[in-house]
Amino acid sequence: MNELKRLFDRQAVNRNRIRALSDRAYQPFLLDEVAERLVERLSEIRRPFPRVLELGSWRGRMAAMLAEVGLGSELTVALDPVGDALDEGPGLKVQAEPELLPFADNSFDLVVSALALHHVDDLPGVLVQLRRLLAADGLMLLALLGGESLMELRTALMQAELDLKGGAAMRVAPFVDIRDAAALLQRAELALPVADVDRITVTYADPLALLHDLQSMGEGGALVDRPKGMFRRDLLLRTAEIYRERFAREDGRVIAHFEILHLSAWKPHESQQKPARRGSGQVRLAAAMGVPVEVLEGTAKRGETGG
């Protein structure tokens, strides 16, 4: 069997997170916004989830939101590969990588994750593990950065490098596409899979403020094959110049788009709704539409279309 090719440098991913968490005054606004939207989605599901796993943490910010609405009444566990992310918040804490989940089968009724899975190499494998550790009729609700995120920054970086070096390397991580994400849910044999998109637009005083904010969120470069000199002065200045030229508003502020993929699916259970068996319909389409069957088949002669 072929070994999985690593796209992300896990040490760099975790190092970026440690650096970001060291600034205890920083408020991760994007994480808070996404977490609030996840909790809002959960509030529409009228059923209890007494055992909850938060996959990826930022000092228990989302776990606290879940506790406020009564979720995790029996057990709340926060998992993160970085110990600093687990030093606050309710529930039990487990330091582990998201691709190696150390839990028994059927351990949780709900798994939630806000912006913690876009830097894993084996997302299909993670989904299979989540299916295993969920109890029957348990729910997973995940939010990831999607493929259209930071397109402005990608464009400016690529053009700047073309201008200065005559070629461009990948500097911003590729994020999963919504169609691929939906297919992965089905591939993991999860029930009632749903994938949809939120788009969040943020404005900054200038492109350098955006880069600083990404660093503060722990979203620095972490590709295995990332090029050296990410912040070489000439490249940085040219990138900022192109960004302002193409993506500035009339007031001078620049925009950045974040695409948030929301993935939800259930551990299969016999009580769940199931699609009708193919060919099991008892009413012909023509009858339902009130037209002769020849019209739908294209065989009706002129004057025989009814009405």
Protein backbone atom coordinates (compact mmCIF):
# COMPACT_ATOMS: atom_id res chain seq x y z
CA MET A 1 0.00 0.00 0.00
CA ASN A 2 1.33 3.45 -0.91
CA GLU A 3 2.34 5.65 2.00
CA LEU A 4 0.33 8.86 2.32
CA LYS A 5 2.22 11.81 0.86
CA ARG A 6 2.46 14.51 3.48
CA LEU A 7 1.39 17.99 2.42
CA PHE A 8 1.63 19.65 5.83
CA ASP A 9 4.56 19.84 8.22
CA ARG A 10 2.91 18.88 11.53
CA GLN A 11 5.75 20.37 13.57
CA ALA A 12 5.31 23.70 11.75
CA VAL A 13 1.51 23.56 12.21
CA ASN A 14 1.88 23.03 15.95
CA ARG A 15 4.71 25.57 16.23
CA ASN A 16 2.49 28.19 14.61
CA ARG A 17 -0.29 27.39 17.08
CA ILE A 18 2.04 27.63 20.07
CA ARG A 19 3.26 31.03 18.90
CA ALA A 20 -0.29 32.26 18.36
CA LEU A 21 -1.51 31.02 21.75
CA SER A 22 1.36 32.75 23.51
CA ASP A 23 -0.46 36.08 22.98
CA ARG A 24 -3.16 35.63 25.59
CA ALA A 25 -4.69 39.02 24.77
CA TYR A 26 -5.50 38.04 21.16
CA GLN A 27 -9.17 37.39 20.43
CA PRO A 28 -9.51 34.87 17.57
CA PHE A 29 -12.46 36.64 15.96
CA LEU A 30 -12.82 34.22 13.05
CA LEU A 31 -12.83 31.19 15.34
CA ASP A 32 -15.42 32.85 17.59
CA GLU A 33 -17.63 33.70 14.62
CA VAL A 34 -17.47 30.16 13.23
CA ALA A 35 -18.02 28.59 16.67
CA GLU A 36 -21.09 30.74 17.23
CA ARG A 37 -22.52 29.65 13.89
CA LEU A 38 -21.91 26.00 14.74
CA VAL A 39 -23.68 26.37 18.07
CA GLU A 40 -26.56 28.13 16.31
CA ARG A 41 -26.89 25.18 13.93
CA LEU A 42 -26.93 22.77 16.87
CA SER A 43 -29.69 24.78 18.55
CA GLU A 44 -31.97 23.86 15.64
CA ILE A 45 -31.62 20.13 16.43
CA ARG A 46 -34.11 19.31 19.19
CA ARG A 47 -32.32 16.47 20.95
CA PRO A 48 -29.73 16.05 23.71
CA PHE A 49 -26.04 15.33 23.12
CA PRO A 50 -24.77 14.32 26.57
CA ARG A 51 -21.25 13.24 25.47
CA VAL A 52 -19.37 15.79 23.36
CA LEU A 53 -15.91 15.83 21.78
CA GLU A 54 -14.46 19.18 20.72
CA LEU A 55 -11.84 18.40 18.07
CA GLY A 56 -9.34 21.23 18.15
CA SER A 57 -9.50 23.84 20.88
CA TRP A 58 -8.53 27.41 21.66
CA ARG A 59 -8.57 27.35 25.44
CA GLY A 60 -12.07 25.91 25.52
CA ARG A 61 -13.83 28.80 23.80
CA MET A 62 -16.27 26.60 21.88
CA ALA A 63 -16.64 24.06 24.71
CA ALA A 64 -17.84 26.93 26.91
CA MET A 65 -20.41 27.94 24.28
CA LEU A 66 -21.69 24.35 24.12
CA ALA A 67 -21.97 24.15 27.91
CA GLU A 68 -24.05 27.35 27.93
CA VAL A 69 -26.70 25.68 25.75
CA GLY A 70 -26.70 22.45 27.77
CA LEU A 71 -24.62 20.21 25.52
CA GLY A 72 -22.08 17.83 27.01
CA SER A 73 -24.02 17.35 30.26
CA GLU A 74 -22.40 13.96 30.97
CA LEU A 75 -18.99 14.33 29.33
CA THR A 76 -17.10 17.03 27.48
CA VAL A 77 -13.65 16.31 26.06
CA ALA A 78 -11.42 18.81 24.27
CA LEU A 79 -8.64 17.40 22.07
CA ASP A 80 -5.75 19.41 20.63
CA PRO A 81 -2.14 18.59 19.66
CA VAL A 82 -0.90 21.71 21.50
CA GLY A 83 -0.98 21.71 25.28
CA ASP A 84 -1.31 25.50 25.50
CA ALA A 85 -4.68 25.25 23.73
CA LEU A 86 -6.03 23.10 26.58
CA ASP A 87 -5.09 25.08 29.66
CA GLU A 88 -8.56 26.60 30.10
CA GLY A 89 -12.19 25.67 29.51
CA PRO A 90 -14.61 23.05 30.81
CA GLY A 91 -14.32 19.27 30.64
CA LEU A 92 -11.50 16.80 30.19
CA LYS A 93 -8.40 17.62 28.12
CA VAL A 94 -6.55 15.27 25.78
CA GLN A 95 -3.36 16.26 23.96
CA ALA A 96 -3.21 14.27 20.71
CA GLU A 97 -3.05 14.73 16.96
CA PRO A 98 -6.44 14.86 15.18
CA GLU A 99 -5.34 12.09 12.81
CA LEU A 100 -4.74 9.70 15.74
CA LEU A 101 -7.85 9.82 17.92
CA PRO A 102 -7.31 7.83 21.16
CA PHE A 103 -10.94 7.01 21.97
CA ALA A 104 -12.96 3.81 22.14
CA ASP A 105 -15.78 2.99 19.73
CA ASN A 106 -19.16 4.62 20.42
CA SER A 107 -17.69 7.09 22.94
CA PHE A 108 -19.49 10.29 21.92
CA ASP A 109 -22.92 11.51 20.84
CA LEU A 110 -21.57 14.66 19.18
CA VAL A 111 -18.25 15.69 17.63
CA VAL A 112 -17.72 19.36 16.79
CA SER A 113 -14.73 21.07 15.24
CA ALA A 114 -14.20 24.72 14.37
CA LEU A 115 -11.32 25.48 11.98
CA ALA A 116 -9.08 22.65 13.22
CA LEU A 117 -9.06 20.15 10.33
CA HIS A 118 -7.86 22.10 7.29
CA HIS A 119 -4.24 21.24 8.10
CA VAL A 120 -4.61 17.45 8.25
CA ASP A 121 -3.23 15.29 5.46
CA ASP A 122 -5.66 12.39 5.85
CA LEU A 123 -9.10 13.98 6.16
CA PRO A 124 -10.80 10.80 4.82
CA GLY A 125 -9.10 8.83 7.58
CA VAL A 126 -10.22 11.34 10.23
CA LEU A 127 -13.84 11.03 9.06
CA VAL A 128 -13.65 7.24 9.30
CA GLN A 129 -12.29 7.54 12.85
CA LEU A 130 -15.08 9.93 13.79
CA ARG A 131 -17.64 7.46 12.47
CA ARG A 132 -16.08 4.78 14.67
CA LEU A 133 -16.05 6.77 17.91
CA LEU A 134 -19.56 8.18 17.48
CA ALA A 135 -22.42 6.29 19.08
CA ALA A 136 -25.22 5.08 16.83
CA ASP A 137 -27.25 8.09 15.62
CA GLY A 138 -24.45 10.39 16.81
CA LEU A 139 -23.71 13.62 14.93
CA MET A 140 -20.53 15.19 13.63
CA LEU A 141 -20.58 18.89 12.80
CA LEU A 142 -17.37 20.27 11.35
CA ALA A 143 -16.30 23.68 10.02
CA LEU A 144 -13.20 23.93 7.81
CA LEU A 145 -11.60 26.61 5.69
CA GLY A 146 -12.72 26.00 2.12
CA GLY A 147 -10.96 26.20 -1.21
CA GLU A 148 -11.93 29.81 -2.00
CA SER A 149 -10.48 31.20 1.24
CA LEU A 150 -7.85 33.95 0.91
CA MET A 151 -8.04 34.04 -2.88
CA GLU A 152 -6.98 37.70 -2.81
CA LEU A 153 -3.78 36.85 -0.93
CA ARG A 154 -3.06 33.89 -3.20
CA THR A 155 -3.48 36.09 -6.27
CA ALA A 156 -1.25 38.88 -4.95
CA LEU A 157 1.49 36.49 -3.79
CA MET A 158 1.55 34.63 -7.09
CA GLN A 159 1.71 37.79 -9.18
CA ALA A 160 4.41 39.31 -6.96
CA GLU A 161 6.57 36.22 -7.30
CA LEU A 162 6.04 36.11 -11.06
CA ASP A 163 7.09 39.74 -11.28
CA LEU A 164 10.22 39.29 -9.18
CA LYS A 165 11.33 35.77 -10.01
CA GLY A 166 9.56 34.76 -13.21
CA GLY A 167 7.88 31.81 -11.46
CA ALA A 168 5.61 31.12 -8.52
CA ALA A 169 5.50 28.50 -5.78
CA MET A 170 2.63 27.43 -3.52
CA ARG A 171 2.73 29.65 -0.43
CA VAL A 172 -0.86 29.48 0.85
CA ALA A 173 -2.15 26.02 1.73
CA PRO A 174 -4.75 24.46 -0.58
CA PHE A 175 -8.05 24.01 1.24
CA VAL A 176 -10.67 21.35 0.52
CA ASP A 177 -13.34 21.99 -2.12
CA ILE A 178 -16.99 21.61 -1.08
CA ARG A 179 -17.69 18.95 -3.71
CA ASP A 180 -14.73 16.90 -2.51
CA ALA A 181 -15.81 17.34 1.10
CA ALA A 182 -19.34 16.10 0.36
CA ALA A 183 -17.91 13.07 -1.43
CA LEU A 184 -15.66 12.29 1.56
CA LEU A 185 -18.68 12.16 3.88
CA GLN A 186 -20.30 9.58 1.64
CA ARG A 187 -17.05 7.66 1.29
CA ALA A 188 -16.86 7.38 5.10
CA GLU A 189 -20.31 5.69 4.97
CA LEU A 190 -21.96 8.35 7.08
CA ALA A 191 -25.70 8.90 6.99
CA LEU A 192 -27.60 12.03 5.91
CA PRO A 193 -24.47 13.94 4.82
CA VAL A 194 -24.80 17.68 4.20
CA ALA A 195 -22.14 20.12 2.99
CA ASP A 196 -22.77 23.84 2.63
CA VAL A 197 -20.80 27.09 2.59
CA ASP A 198 -20.64 30.32 4.56
CA ARG A 199 -18.60 33.22 3.21
CA ILE A 200 -17.16 35.74 5.63
CA THR A 201 -15.65 38.98 4.35
CA VAL A 202 -13.18 40.81 6.56
CA THR A 203 -11.55 44.20 5.93
CA TYR A 204 -8.09 45.32 7.02
CA ALA A 205 -6.29 48.63 7.06
CA ASP A 206 -3.66 47.17 4.73
CA PRO A 207 -2.39 43.74 3.51
CA LEU A 208 0.30 43.63 6.21
CA ALA A 209 -2.43 43.75 8.86
CA LEU A 210 -4.02 40.69 7.23
CA LEU A 211 -0.72 38.79 7.32
CA HIS A 212 -0.23 39.73 10.96
CA ASP A 213 -3.74 38.53 11.79
CA LEU A 214 -3.15 35.19 10.06
CA GLN A 215 0.01 34.73 12.13
CA SER A 216 -1.99 35.55 15.27
CA MET A 217 -4.52 32.85 14.36
CA GLY A 218 -1.75 30.28 13.95
CA GLU A 219 -2.18 30.22 10.19
CA GLY A 220 1.44 30.75 9.16
CA GLY A 221 3.15 28.73 6.45
CA ALA A 222 3.17 25.00 7.23
CA LEU A 223 3.54 23.22 3.90
CA VAL A 224 6.21 20.52 3.73
CA ASP A 225 7.48 22.01 0.47
CA ARG A 226 7.03 25.64 1.45
CA PRO A 227 9.60 27.91 -0.19
CA LYS A 228 12.11 29.82 1.85
CA GLY A 229 11.95 33.59 2.13
CA MET A 230 8.19 33.90 2.66
CA PHE A 231 8.73 37.36 4.15
CA ARG A 232 11.60 38.51 2.01
CA ARG A 233 11.28 42.28 1.96
CA ASP A 234 10.95 42.78 -1.79
CA LEU A 235 8.37 40.01 -2.12
CA LEU A 236 6.38 41.28 0.84
CA LEU A 237 6.29 44.85 -0.43
CA ARG A 238 5.34 43.83 -3.97
CA THR A 239 2.59 41.56 -2.64
CA ALA A 240 1.17 44.40 -0.55
CA GLU A 241 1.29 46.74 -3.54
CA ILE A 242 -0.60 44.32 -5.80
CA TYR A 243 -3.10 43.55 -3.05
CA ARG A 244 -3.93 47.25 -2.62
CA GLU A 245 -4.22 47.78 -6.37
CA ARG A 246 -6.67 44.92 -6.90
CA PHE A 247 -8.55 44.38 -3.66
CA ALA A 248 -8.92 47.75 -1.93
CA ARG A 249 -12.25 49.43 -1.29
CA GLU A 250 -12.91 53.11 -1.97
CA ASP A 251 -12.00 53.94 1.63
CA GLY A 252 -8.58 52.32 1.19
CA ARG A 253 -9.21 49.24 3.31
CA VAL A 254 -8.50 45.86 1.71
CA ILE A 255 -10.81 42.85 1.74
CA ALA A 256 -10.16 39.21 2.53
CA HIS A 257 -12.66 36.42 1.97
CA PHE A 258 -12.88 33.29 4.12
CA GLU A 259 -14.95 30.40 2.81
CA ILE A 260 -16.22 28.22 5.64
CA LEU A 261 -17.31 24.68 4.77
CA HIS A 262 -19.89 23.23 7.13
CA LEU A 263 -20.00 19.43 7.07
CA SER A 264 -22.59 17.46 8.99
CA ALA A 265 -23.39 13.76 9.01
CA TRP A 266 -24.71 11.07 11.35
CA LYS A 267 -23.52 7.66 12.49
CA PRO A 268 -25.94 5.27 10.75
CA HIS A 269 -28.89 4.01 12.80
CA GLU A 270 -32.02 2.09 11.84
CA SER A 271 -34.29 4.91 13.04
CA GLN A 272 -32.94 7.42 10.51
CA GLN A 273 -34.72 8.44 7.33
CA LYS A 274 -33.68 6.45 4.29
CA PRO A 275 -34.10 7.24 0.59
CA ALA A 276 -36.77 5.25 -1.20
CA ARG A 277 -35.57 2.15 -3.04
CA ARG A 278 -34.96 2.86 -6.71
CA GLY A 279 -38.03 1.87 -8.74
CA SER A 280 -40.30 1.69 -5.69
CA GLY A 281 -42.47 4.67 -6.70
CA GLN A 282 -46.17 3.90 -7.09
CA VAL A 283 -47.23 7.03 -9.02
CA ARG A 284 -46.18 7.67 -12.61
CA LEU A 285 -44.63 11.09 -13.27
CA ALA A 286 -47.09 11.75 -16.07
CA ALA A 287 -50.03 11.16 -13.74
CA ALA A 288 -48.55 13.40 -11.07
CA MET A 289 -48.09 16.19 -13.63
CA GLY A 290 -51.53 15.64 -15.15
CA VAL A 291 -50.27 15.14 -18.71
CA PRO A 292 -50.42 12.15 -21.08
CA VAL A 293 -47.38 9.88 -20.86
CA GLU A 294 -46.76 10.41 -24.60
CA VAL A 295 -45.95 14.07 -23.90
CA LEU A 296 -43.11 13.16 -21.55
CA GLU A 297 -41.85 10.46 -23.92
CA GLY A 298 -41.91 12.85 -26.88
CA THR A 299 -44.20 10.61 -28.93
CA ALA A 300 -47.37 12.70 -28.81
CA LYS A 301 -48.75 13.77 -32.18
CA ARG A 302 -49.80 17.34 -32.85
CA GLY A 303 -53.18 17.96 -31.25
CA GLU A 304 -52.74 15.16 -28.66
CA THR A 305 -51.04 17.17 -25.92
CA GLY A 306 -54.19 17.46 -23.85
CA GLY A 307 -55.23 20.51 -21.87
